[in-house]
């Protein structure tokens, strides 16, 4: 999925007011966590994840691994936060509208 810089800016703006709903710590990415992240992205379309200092991998590596495994897009990695987006396949269930 490709998005424009204008769409990315809109997603960043939405994410700014959204709390992190997951944390990644010393256990890193488990299959169970990936399932939970996938379900959250399906329901919310945009999620924010907090990466703790005890995480075994770099936040950028984690962001791209999660994106690959969930079919989502890395909107941004800022500080210790990862923001991911994936549009809901069902137009009636879409929460975030990014079309220009």
PDB file of N, CA and C in Angstrom:
ATOM      1  N   UNK A   1       0.840  -1.181   0.000  1.00  0.00           N
ATOM      2  CA  UNK A   1       0.000   0.000   0.000  1.00  0.00           C
ATOM      3  C   UNK A   1       0.883   1.241   0.000  1.00  0.00           C
ATOM      4  N   UNK A   2       0.609   2.137  -0.895  1.00  0.00           N
ATOM      5  CA  UNK A   2       1.336   3.402  -0.980  1.00  0.00           C
ATOM      6  C   UNK A   2       0.408   4.536  -0.550  1.00  0.00           C
ATOM      7  N   UNK A   3       0.973   5.502   0.169  1.00  0.00           N
ATOM      8  CA  UNK A   3       0.199   6.688   0.528  1.00  0.00           C
ATOM      9  C   UNK A   3       1.020   7.917   0.165  1.00  0.00           C
ATOM     10  N   UNK A   4       0.306   9.006  -0.042  1.00  0.00           N
ATOM     11  CA  UNK A   4       0.960  10.258  -0.387  1.00  0.00           C
ATOM     12  C   UNK A   4       1.499  10.936   0.874  1.00  0.00           C
ATOM     13  N   UNK A   5       2.337  11.932   0.693  1.00  0.00           N
ATOM     14  CA  UNK A   5       2.863  12.663   1.846  1.00  0.00           C
ATOM     15  C   UNK A   5       1.743  13.402   2.582  1.00  0.00           C
ATOM     16  N   UNK A   6       0.739  13.835   1.852  1.00  0.00           N
ATOM     17  CA  UNK A   6      -0.409  14.501   2.468  1.00  0.00           C
ATOM     18  C   UNK A   6      -1.206  13.513   3.332  1.00  0.00           C
ATOM     19  N   UNK A   7      -1.379  12.298   2.839  1.00  0.00           N
ATOM     20  CA  UNK A   7      -2.076  11.274   3.609  1.00  0.00           C
ATOM     21  C   UNK A   7      -1.259  10.876   4.845  1.00  0.00           C
ATOM     22  N   UNK A   8       0.061  10.748   4.672  1.00  0.00           N
ATOM     23  CA  UNK A   8       0.931  10.414   5.804  1.00  0.00           C
ATOM     24  C   UNK A   8       0.840  11.506   6.873  1.00  0.00           C
ATOM     25  N   UNK A   9       0.828  12.765   6.464  1.00  0.00           N
ATOM     26  CA  UNK A   9       0.716  13.880   7.409  1.00  0.00           C
ATOM     27  C   UNK A   9      -0.607  13.806   8.171  1.00  0.00           C
ATOM     28  N   UNK A  10      -1.661  13.447   7.470  1.00  0.00           N
ATOM     29  CA  UNK A  10      -2.970  13.322   8.119  1.00  0.00           C
ATOM     30  C   UNK A  10      -2.938  12.189   9.148  1.00  0.00           C
ATOM     31  N   UNK A  11      -2.320  11.067   8.791  1.00  0.00           N
ATOM     32  CA  UNK A  11      -2.213   9.941   9.725  1.00  0.00           C
ATOM     33  C   UNK A  11      -1.374  10.311  10.946  1.00  0.00           C
ATOM     34  N   UNK A  12      -0.298  11.052  10.744  1.00  0.00           N
ATOM     35  CA  UNK A  12       0.537  11.498  11.862  1.00  0.00           C
ATOM     36  C   UNK A  12      -0.265  12.401  12.794  1.00  0.00           C
ATOM     37  N   UNK A  13      -1.076  13.262  12.219  1.00  0.00           N
ATOM     38  CA  UNK A  13      -1.915  14.159  13.002  1.00  0.00           C
ATOM     39  C   UNK A  13      -2.919  13.367  13.837  1.00  0.00           C
ATOM     40  N   UNK A  14      -3.537  12.361  13.237  1.00  0.00           N
ATOM     41  CA  UNK A  14      -4.487  11.509  13.963  1.00  0.00           C
ATOM     42  C   UNK A  14      -3.767  10.771  15.089  1.00  0.00           C
ATOM     43  N   UNK A  15      -2.591  10.244  14.793  1.00  0.00           N
ATOM     44  CA  UNK A  15      -1.833   9.468  15.776  1.00  0.00           C
ATOM     45  C   UNK A  15      -1.377  10.318  16.961  1.00  0.00           C
ATOM     46  N   UNK A  16      -1.160  11.599  16.730  1.00  0.00           N
ATOM     47  CA  UNK A  16      -0.678  12.478  17.800  1.00  0.00           C
ATOM     48  C   UNK A  16      -1.629  12.485  18.994  1.00  0.00           C
ATOM     49  N   UNK A  17      -2.909  12.360  18.741  1.00  0.00           N
ATOM     50  CA  UNK A  17      -3.894  12.373  19.817  1.00  0.00           C
ATOM     51  C   UNK A  17      -4.328  10.986  20.272  1.00  0.00           C
ATOM     52  N   UNK A  18      -3.612   9.963  19.803  1.00  0.00           N
ATOM     53  CA  UNK A  18      -3.966   8.586  20.117  1.00  0.00           C
ATOM     54  C   UNK A  18      -2.971   8.012  21.116  1.00  0.00           C
ATOM     55  N   UNK A  19      -3.454   7.392  22.202  1.00  0.00           N
ATOM     56  CA  UNK A  19      -2.510   6.782  23.143  1.00  0.00           C
ATOM     57  C   UNK A  19      -1.938   5.474  22.594  1.00  0.00           C
ATOM     58  N   UNK A  20      -0.770   5.106  23.077  1.00  0.00           N
ATOM     59  CA  UNK A  20      -0.193   3.805  22.722  1.00  0.00           C
ATOM     60  C   UNK A  20      -1.042   2.721  23.380  1.00  0.00           C
ATOM     61  N   UNK A  21      -1.406   1.691  22.601  1.00  0.00           N
ATOM     62  CA  UNK A  21      -2.250   0.636  23.156  1.00  0.00           C
ATOM     63  C   UNK A  21      -1.490  -0.669  23.370  1.00  0.00           C
ATOM     64  N   UNK A  22      -0.243  -0.715  22.943  1.00  0.00           N
ATOM     65  CA  UNK A  22       0.598  -1.891  23.148  1.00  0.00           C
ATOM     66  C   UNK A  22       1.989  -1.449  23.566  1.00  0.00           C
ATOM     67  N   UNK A  23       2.677  -2.356  24.268  1.00  0.00           N
ATOM     68  CA  UNK A  23       4.075  -2.142  24.622  1.00  0.00           C
ATOM     69  C   UNK A  23       4.860  -3.366  24.193  1.00  0.00           C
ATOM     70  N   UNK A  24       6.042  -3.131  23.694  1.00  0.00           N
ATOM     71  CA  UNK A  24       6.948  -4.230  23.372  1.00  0.00           C
ATOM     72  C   UNK A  24       8.128  -4.112  24.317  1.00  0.00           C
ATOM     73  N   UNK A  25       8.347  -5.176  25.088  1.00  0.00           N
ATOM     74  CA  UNK A  25       9.421  -5.173  26.072  1.00  0.00           C
ATOM     75  C   UNK A  25      10.405  -6.295  25.837  1.00  0.00           C
ATOM     76  N   UNK A  26      10.887  -6.872  26.923  1.00  0.00           N
ATOM     77  CA  UNK A  26      11.960  -7.860  26.856  1.00  0.00           C
ATOM     78  C   UNK A  26      11.594  -9.133  26.088  1.00  0.00           C
ATOM     79  N   UNK A  27      10.297  -9.448  25.991  1.00  0.00           N
ATOM     80  CA  UNK A  27       9.884 -10.646  25.252  1.00  0.00           C
ATOM     81  C   UNK A  27       9.867 -10.423  23.746  1.00  0.00           C
ATOM     82  N   UNK A  28       9.976  -9.190  23.313  1.00  0.00           N
ATOM     83  CA  UNK A  28       9.985  -8.889  21.880  1.00  0.00           C
ATOM     84  C   UNK A  28       8.668  -9.237  21.211  1.00  0.00           C
ATOM     85  N   UNK A  29       8.752  -9.608  19.946  1.00  0.00           N
ATOM     86  CA  UNK A  29       7.559  -9.949  19.169  1.00  0.00           C
ATOM     87  C   UNK A  29       7.290 -11.445  19.263  1.00  0.00           C
ATOM     88  N   UNK A  30       6.164 -11.768  19.859  1.00  0.00           N
ATOM     89  CA  UNK A  30       5.733 -13.160  19.905  1.00  0.00           C
ATOM     90  C   UNK A  30       4.603 -13.343  18.905  1.00  0.00           C
ATOM     91  N   UNK A  31       4.304 -14.578  18.562  1.00  0.00           N
ATOM     92  CA  UNK A  31       3.192 -14.839  17.644  1.00  0.00           C
ATOM     93  C   UNK A  31       1.883 -14.321  18.223  1.00  0.00           C
ATOM     94  N   UNK A  32       1.717 -14.458  19.535  1.00  0.00           N
ATOM     95  CA  UNK A  32       0.495 -13.985  20.191  1.00  0.00           C
ATOM     96  C   UNK A  32       0.373 -12.461  20.089  1.00  0.00           C
ATOM     97  N   UNK A  33       1.479 -11.767  20.293  1.00  0.00           N
ATOM     98  CA  UNK A  33       1.461 -10.309  20.185  1.00  0.00           C
ATOM     99  C   UNK A  33       1.131  -9.889  18.754  1.00  0.00           C
ATOM    100  N   UNK A  34       1.689 -10.569  17.778  1.00  0.00           N
ATOM    101  CA  UNK A  34       1.383 -10.249  16.375  1.00  0.00           C
ATOM    102  C   UNK A  34      -0.106 -10.430  16.108  1.00  0.00           C
ATOM    103  N   UNK A  35      -0.711 -11.494  16.631  1.00  0.00           N
ATOM    104  CA  UNK A  35      -2.158 -11.717  16.460  1.00  0.00           C
ATOM    105  C   UNK A  35      -2.957 -10.574  17.076  1.00  0.00           C
ATOM    106  N   UNK A  36      -2.544 -10.142  18.266  1.00  0.00           N
ATOM    107  CA  UNK A  36      -3.240  -9.045  18.942  1.00  0.00           C
ATOM    108  C   UNK A  36      -3.070  -7.729  18.172  1.00  0.00           C
ATOM    109  N   UNK A  37      -1.865  -7.483  17.684  1.00  0.00           N
ATOM    110  CA  UNK A  37      -1.621  -6.272  16.893  1.00  0.00           C
ATOM    111  C   UNK A  37      -2.450  -6.288  15.614  1.00  0.00           C
ATOM    112  N   UNK A  38      -2.510  -7.434  14.950  1.00  0.00           N
ATOM    113  CA  UNK A  38      -3.283  -7.567  13.725  1.00  0.00           C
ATOM    114  C   UNK A  38      -4.763  -7.284  13.979  1.00  0.00           C
ATOM    115  N   UNK A  39      -5.299  -7.834  15.065  1.00  0.00           N
ATOM    116  CA  UNK A  39      -6.705  -7.604  15.416  1.00  0.00           C
ATOM    117  C   UNK A  39      -6.961  -6.131  15.737  1.00  0.00           C
ATOM    118  N   UNK A  40      -6.027  -5.506  16.438  1.00  0.00           N
ATOM    119  CA  UNK A  40      -6.181  -4.087  16.786  1.00  0.00           C
ATOM    120  C   UNK A  40      -6.130  -3.210  15.545  1.00  0.00           C
ATOM    121  N   UNK A  41      -5.237  -3.518  14.625  1.00  0.00           N
ATOM    122  CA  UNK A  41      -5.150  -2.743  13.386  1.00  0.00           C
ATOM    123  C   UNK A  41      -6.418  -2.923  12.564  1.00  0.00           C
ATOM    124  N   UNK A  42      -6.960  -4.131  12.555  1.00  0.00           N
ATOM    125  CA  UNK A  42      -8.201  -4.390  11.817  1.00  0.00           C
ATOM    126  C   UNK A  42      -9.347  -3.552  12.387  1.00  0.00           C
ATOM    127  N   UNK A  43      -9.409  -3.453  13.708  1.00  0.00           N
ATOM    128  CA  UNK A  43     -10.504  -2.729  14.355  1.00  0.00           C
ATOM    129  C   UNK A  43     -10.325  -1.217  14.320  1.00  0.00           C
ATOM    130  N   UNK A  44      -9.088  -0.744  14.494  1.00  0.00           N
ATOM    131  CA  UNK A  44      -8.841   0.694  14.642  1.00  0.00           C
ATOM    132  C   UNK A  44      -8.220   1.351  13.423  1.00  0.00           C
ATOM    133  N   UNK A  45      -7.593   0.585  12.569  1.00  0.00           N
ATOM    134  CA  UNK A  45      -6.870   1.035  11.381  1.00  0.00           C
ATOM    135  C   UNK A  45      -5.550   1.721  11.693  1.00  0.00           C
ATOM    136  N   UNK A  46      -5.486   2.495  12.748  1.00  0.00           N
ATOM    137  CA  UNK A  46      -4.232   3.153  13.121  1.00  0.00           C
ATOM    138  C   UNK A  46      -3.962   2.862  14.590  1.00  0.00           C
ATOM    139  N   UNK A  47      -2.741   2.392  14.878  1.00  0.00           N
ATOM    140  CA  UNK A  47      -2.386   2.099  16.261  1.00  0.00           C
ATOM    141  C   UNK A  47      -1.010   2.655  16.573  1.00  0.00           C
ATOM    142  N   UNK A  48      -0.802   2.882  17.873  1.00  0.00           N
ATOM    143  CA  UNK A  48       0.486   3.368  18.346  1.00  0.00           C
ATOM    144  C   UNK A  48       1.021   2.336  19.346  1.00  0.00           C
ATOM    145  N   UNK A  49       2.301   2.031  19.209  1.00  0.00           N
ATOM    146  CA  UNK A  49       2.956   1.040  20.053  1.00  0.00           C
ATOM    147  C   UNK A  49       4.141   1.710  20.746  1.00  0.00           C
ATOM    148  N   UNK A  50       4.295   1.432  22.035  1.00  0.00           N
ATOM    149  CA  UNK A  50       5.426   1.944  22.799  1.00  0.00           C
ATOM    150  C   UNK A  50       6.491   0.850  22.876  1.00  0.00           C
ATOM    151  N   UNK A  51       7.719   1.173  22.502  1.00  0.00           N
ATOM    152  CA  UNK A  51       8.827   0.219  22.567  1.00  0.00           C
ATOM    153  C   UNK A  51       9.651   0.546  23.814  1.00  0.00           C
ATOM    154  N   UNK A  52       9.699  -0.395  24.736  1.00  0.00           N
ATOM    155  CA  UNK A  52      10.446  -0.200  25.973  1.00  0.00           C
ATOM    156  C   UNK A  52      11.941  -0.386  25.725  1.00  0.00           C
ATOM    157  N   UNK A  53      12.749   0.170  26.609  1.00  0.00           N
ATOM    158  CA  UNK A  53      14.201   0.049  26.465  1.00  0.00           C
ATOM    159  C   UNK A  53      14.663  -1.400  26.572  1.00  0.00           C
ATOM    160  N   UNK A  54      13.866  -2.239  27.226  1.00  0.00           N
ATOM    161  CA  UNK A  54      14.243  -3.642  27.397  1.00  0.00           C
ATOM    162  C   UNK A  54      13.957  -4.493  26.159  1.00  0.00           C
ATOM    163  N   UNK A  55      13.360  -3.894  25.131  1.00  0.00           N
ATOM    164  CA  UNK A  55      13.053  -4.640  23.901  1.00  0.00           C
ATOM    165  C   UNK A  55      14.353  -5.157  23.286  1.00  0.00           C
ATOM    166  N   UNK A  56      14.327  -6.401  22.796  1.00  0.00           N
ATOM    167  CA  UNK A  56      15.559  -7.004  22.276  1.00  0.00           C
ATOM    168  C   UNK A  56      16.017  -6.463  20.918  1.00  0.00           C
ATOM    169  N   UNK A  57      15.160  -5.735  20.218  1.00  0.00           N
ATOM    170  CA  UNK A  57      15.511  -5.221  18.895  1.00  0.00           C
ATOM    171  C   UNK A  57      15.273  -3.715  18.829  1.00  0.00           C
ATOM    172  N   UNK A  58      15.895  -3.086  17.853  1.00  0.00           N
ATOM    173  CA  UNK A  58      15.723  -1.663  17.590  1.00  0.00           C
ATOM    174  C   UNK A  58      14.285  -1.372  17.173  1.00  0.00           C
ATOM    175  N   UNK A  59      13.785  -0.227  17.562  1.00  0.00           N
ATOM    176  CA  UNK A  59      12.397   0.136  17.254  1.00  0.00           C
ATOM    177  C   UNK A  59      12.109   0.177  15.753  1.00  0.00           C
ATOM    178  N   UNK A  60      13.086   0.582  14.952  1.00  0.00           N
ATOM    179  CA  UNK A  60      12.882   0.618  13.498  1.00  0.00           C
ATOM    180  C   UNK A  60      12.762  -0.791  12.916  1.00  0.00           C
ATOM    181  N   UNK A  61      13.579  -1.698  13.420  1.00  0.00           N
ATOM    182  CA  UNK A  61      13.501  -3.098  12.991  1.00  0.00           C
ATOM    183  C   UNK A  61      12.160  -3.680  13.387  1.00  0.00           C
ATOM    184  N   UNK A  62      11.742  -3.419  14.624  1.00  0.00           N
ATOM    185  CA  UNK A  62      10.446  -3.915  15.103  1.00  0.00           C
ATOM    186  C   UNK A  62       9.302  -3.366  14.264  1.00  0.00           C
ATOM    187  N   UNK A  63       9.343  -2.076  13.965  1.00  0.00           N
ATOM    188  CA  UNK A  63       8.273  -1.446  13.187  1.00  0.00           C
ATOM    189  C   UNK A  63       8.101  -2.129  11.842  1.00  0.00           C
ATOM    190  N   UNK A  64       9.194  -2.373  11.153  1.00  0.00           N
ATOM    191  CA  UNK A  64       9.101  -2.978   9.819  1.00  0.00           C
ATOM    192  C   UNK A  64       8.746  -4.461   9.883  1.00  0.00           C
ATOM    193  N   UNK A  65       9.170  -5.137  10.930  1.00  0.00           N
ATOM    194  CA  UNK A  65       8.785  -6.541  11.090  1.00  0.00           C
ATOM    195  C   UNK A  65       7.290  -6.666  11.362  1.00  0.00           C
ATOM    196  N   UNK A  66       6.769  -5.802  12.230  1.00  0.00           N
ATOM    197  CA  UNK A  66       5.333  -5.823  12.519  1.00  0.00           C
ATOM    198  C   UNK A  66       4.550  -5.496  11.255  1.00  0.00           C
ATOM    199  N   UNK A  67       4.991  -4.472  10.539  1.00  0.00           N
ATOM    200  CA  UNK A  67       4.308  -4.073   9.305  1.00  0.00           C
ATOM    201  C   UNK A  67       4.284  -5.228   8.305  1.00  0.00           C
ATOM    202  N   UNK A  68       5.401  -5.905   8.141  1.00  0.00           N
ATOM    203  CA  UNK A  68       5.469  -7.042   7.218  1.00  0.00           C
ATOM    204  C   UNK A  68       4.529  -8.161   7.642  1.00  0.00           C
ATOM    205  N   UNK A  69       4.509  -8.457   8.941  1.00  0.00           N
ATOM    206  CA  UNK A  69       3.723  -9.593   9.430  1.00  0.00           C
ATOM    207  C   UNK A  69       2.237  -9.300   9.536  1.00  0.00           C
ATOM    208  N   UNK A  70       1.855  -8.015   9.563  1.00  0.00           N
ATOM    209  CA  UNK A  70       0.430  -7.664   9.668  1.00  0.00           C
ATOM    210  C   UNK A  70      -0.120  -7.041   8.387  1.00  0.00           C
ATOM    211  N   UNK A  71       0.744  -6.824   7.406  1.00  0.00           N
ATOM    212  CA  UNK A  71       0.297  -6.192   6.168  1.00  0.00           C
ATOM    213  C   UNK A  71      -0.069  -4.734   6.348  1.00  0.00           C
ATOM    214  N   UNK A  72       0.574  -4.094   7.311  1.00  0.00           N
ATOM    215  CA  UNK A  72       0.284  -2.682   7.584  1.00  0.00           C
ATOM    216  C   UNK A  72       1.417  -1.802   7.069  1.00  0.00           C
ATOM    217  N   UNK A  73       1.268  -0.521   7.270  1.00  0.00           N
ATOM    218  CA  UNK A  73       2.213   0.480   6.802  1.00  0.00           C
ATOM    219  C   UNK A  73       2.790   1.216   8.002  1.00  0.00           C
ATOM    220  N   UNK A  74       4.099   1.394   8.023  1.00  0.00           N
ATOM    221  CA  UNK A  74       4.732   2.184   9.074  1.00  0.00           C
ATOM    222  C   UNK A  74       4.505   3.651   8.734  1.00  0.00           C
ATOM    223  N   UNK A  75       3.726   4.335   9.560  1.00  0.00           N
ATOM    224  CA  UNK A  75       3.471   5.761   9.353  1.00  0.00           C
ATOM    225  C   UNK A  75       4.660   6.560   9.850  1.00  0.00           C
ATOM    226  N   UNK A  76       5.120   6.215  11.072  1.00  0.00           N
ATOM    227  CA  UNK A  76       6.288   6.884  11.620  1.00  0.00           C
ATOM    228  C   UNK A  76       6.827   6.119  12.811  1.00  0.00           C
ATOM    229  N   UNK A  77       8.090   6.336  13.062  1.00  0.00           N
ATOM    230  CA  UNK A  77       8.742   5.878  14.279  1.00  0.00           C
ATOM    231  C   UNK A  77       9.339   7.132  14.884  1.00  0.00           C
ATOM    232  N   UNK A  78       8.825   7.508  16.044  1.00  0.00           N
ATOM    233  CA  UNK A  78       9.271   8.749  16.670  1.00  0.00           C
ATOM    234  C   UNK A  78       9.466   8.498  18.162  1.00  0.00           C
ATOM    235  N   UNK A  79      10.647   8.847  18.643  1.00  0.00           N
ATOM    236  CA  UNK A  79      10.963   8.540  20.034  1.00  0.00           C
ATOM    237  C   UNK A  79      10.930   7.034  20.222  1.00  0.00           C
ATOM    238  N   UNK A  80      10.179   6.597  21.195  1.00  0.00           N
ATOM    239  CA  UNK A  80      10.018   5.160  21.447  1.00  0.00           C
ATOM    240  C   UNK A  80       8.671   4.656  20.942  1.00  0.00           C
ATOM    241  N   UNK A  81       8.036   5.409  20.067  1.00  0.00           N
ATOM    242  CA  UNK A  81       6.705   5.071  19.564  1.00  0.00           C
ATOM    243  C   UNK A  81       6.745   4.650  18.104  1.00  0.00           C
ATOM    244  N   UNK A  82       5.900   3.663  17.789  1.00  0.00           N
ATOM    245  CA  UNK A  82       5.701   3.204  16.416  1.00  0.00           C
ATOM    246  C   UNK A  82       4.244   3.466  16.077  1.00  0.00           C
ATOM    247  N   UNK A  83       3.983   4.028  14.916  1.00  0.00           N
ATOM    248  CA  UNK A  83       2.619   4.231  14.445  1.00  0.00           C
ATOM    249  C   UNK A  83       2.430   3.417  13.168  1.00  0.00           C
ATOM    250  N   UNK A  84       1.389   2.571  13.184  1.00  0.00           N
ATOM    251  CA  UNK A  84       1.085   1.709  12.043  1.00  0.00           C
ATOM    252  C   UNK A  84      -0.323   1.983  11.536  1.00  0.00           C
ATOM    253  N   UNK A  85      -0.513   1.778  10.244  1.00  0.00           N
ATOM    254  CA  UNK A  85      -1.823   1.996   9.620  1.00  0.00           C
ATOM    255  C   UNK A  85      -2.105   0.883   8.613  1.00  0.00           C
ATOM    256  N   UNK A  86      -3.344   0.437   8.607  1.00  0.00           N
ATOM    257  CA  UNK A  86      -3.826  -0.463   7.561  1.00  0.00           C
ATOM    258  C   UNK A  86      -5.318  -0.195   7.389  1.00  0.00           C
ATOM    259  N   UNK A  87      -5.705   0.126   6.168  1.00  0.00           N
ATOM    260  CA  UNK A  87      -7.104   0.418   5.879  1.00  0.00           C
ATOM    261  C   UNK A  87      -7.920  -0.864   5.985  1.00  0.00           C
ATOM    262  N   UNK A  88      -9.089  -0.752   6.623  1.00  0.00           N
ATOM    263  CA  UNK A  88      -9.986  -1.894   6.748  1.00  0.00           C
ATOM    264  C   UNK A  88     -10.490  -2.281   5.363  1.00  0.00           C
ATOM    265  N   UNK A  89     -10.533  -3.566   5.094  1.00  0.00           N
ATOM    266  CA  UNK A  89     -10.973  -4.050   3.785  1.00  0.00           C
ATOM    267  C   UNK A  89     -12.451  -3.770   3.534  1.00  0.00           C
ATOM    268  N   UNK A  90     -13.229  -3.711   4.605  1.00  0.00           N
ATOM    269  CA  UNK A  90     -14.662  -3.448   4.498  1.00  0.00           C
ATOM    270  C   UNK A  90     -14.908  -1.940   4.586  1.00  0.00           C
ATOM    271  N   UNK A  91     -15.346  -1.319   3.485  1.00  0.00           N
ATOM    272  CA  UNK A  91     -15.550   0.139   3.505  1.00  0.00           C
ATOM    273  C   UNK A  91     -16.520   0.609   4.588  1.00  0.00           C
ATOM    274  N   UNK A  92     -17.465  -0.225   4.977  1.00  0.00           N
ATOM    275  CA  UNK A  92     -18.436   0.161   6.005  1.00  0.00           C
ATOM    276  C   UNK A  92     -17.828   0.193   7.405  1.00  0.00           C
ATOM    277  N   UNK A  93     -16.693  -0.472   7.575  1.00  0.00           N
ATOM    278  CA  UNK A  93     -16.043  -0.541   8.886  1.00  0.00           C
ATOM    279  C   UNK A  93     -14.827   0.366   8.999  1.00  0.00           C
ATOM    280  N   UNK A  94     -14.610   1.194   8.022  1.00  0.00           N
ATOM    281  CA  UNK A  94     -13.443   2.084   8.049  1.00  0.00           C
ATOM    282  C   UNK A  94     -13.628   3.161   9.121  1.00  0.00           C
ATOM    283  N   UNK A  95     -12.565   3.381   9.848  1.00  0.00           N
ATOM    284  CA  UNK A  95     -12.574   4.346  10.952  1.00  0.00           C
ATOM    285  C   UNK A  95     -11.859   5.622  10.535  1.00  0.00           C
ATOM    286  N   UNK A  96     -10.767   5.471   9.799  1.00  0.00           N
ATOM    287  CA  UNK A  96      -9.914   6.586   9.408  1.00  0.00           C
ATOM    288  C   UNK A  96     -10.080   6.823   7.907  1.00  0.00           C
ATOM    289  N   UNK A  97     -10.414   8.036   7.549  1.00  0.00           N
ATOM    290  CA  UNK A  97     -10.560   8.385   6.137  1.00  0.00           C
ATOM    291  C   UNK A  97      -9.384   9.257   5.735  1.00  0.00           C
ATOM    292  N   UNK A  98      -8.545   8.736   4.840  1.00  0.00           N
ATOM    293  CA  UNK A  98      -7.361   9.495   4.438  1.00  0.00           C
ATOM    294  C   UNK A  98      -7.399   9.959   2.998  1.00  0.00           C
ATOM    295  N   UNK A  99      -8.441   9.608   2.272  1.00  0.00           N
ATOM    296  CA  UNK A  99      -8.509  10.021   0.862  1.00  0.00           C
ATOM    297  C   UNK A  99      -8.633  11.524   0.763  1.00  0.00           C
ATOM    298  N   UNK A 100      -7.937  12.072  -0.205  1.00  0.00           N
ATOM    299  CA  UNK A 100      -7.927  13.528  -0.416  1.00  0.00           C
ATOM    300  C   UNK A 100      -9.270  14.035  -0.894  1.00  0.00           C
TER     301      UNK A 100
END
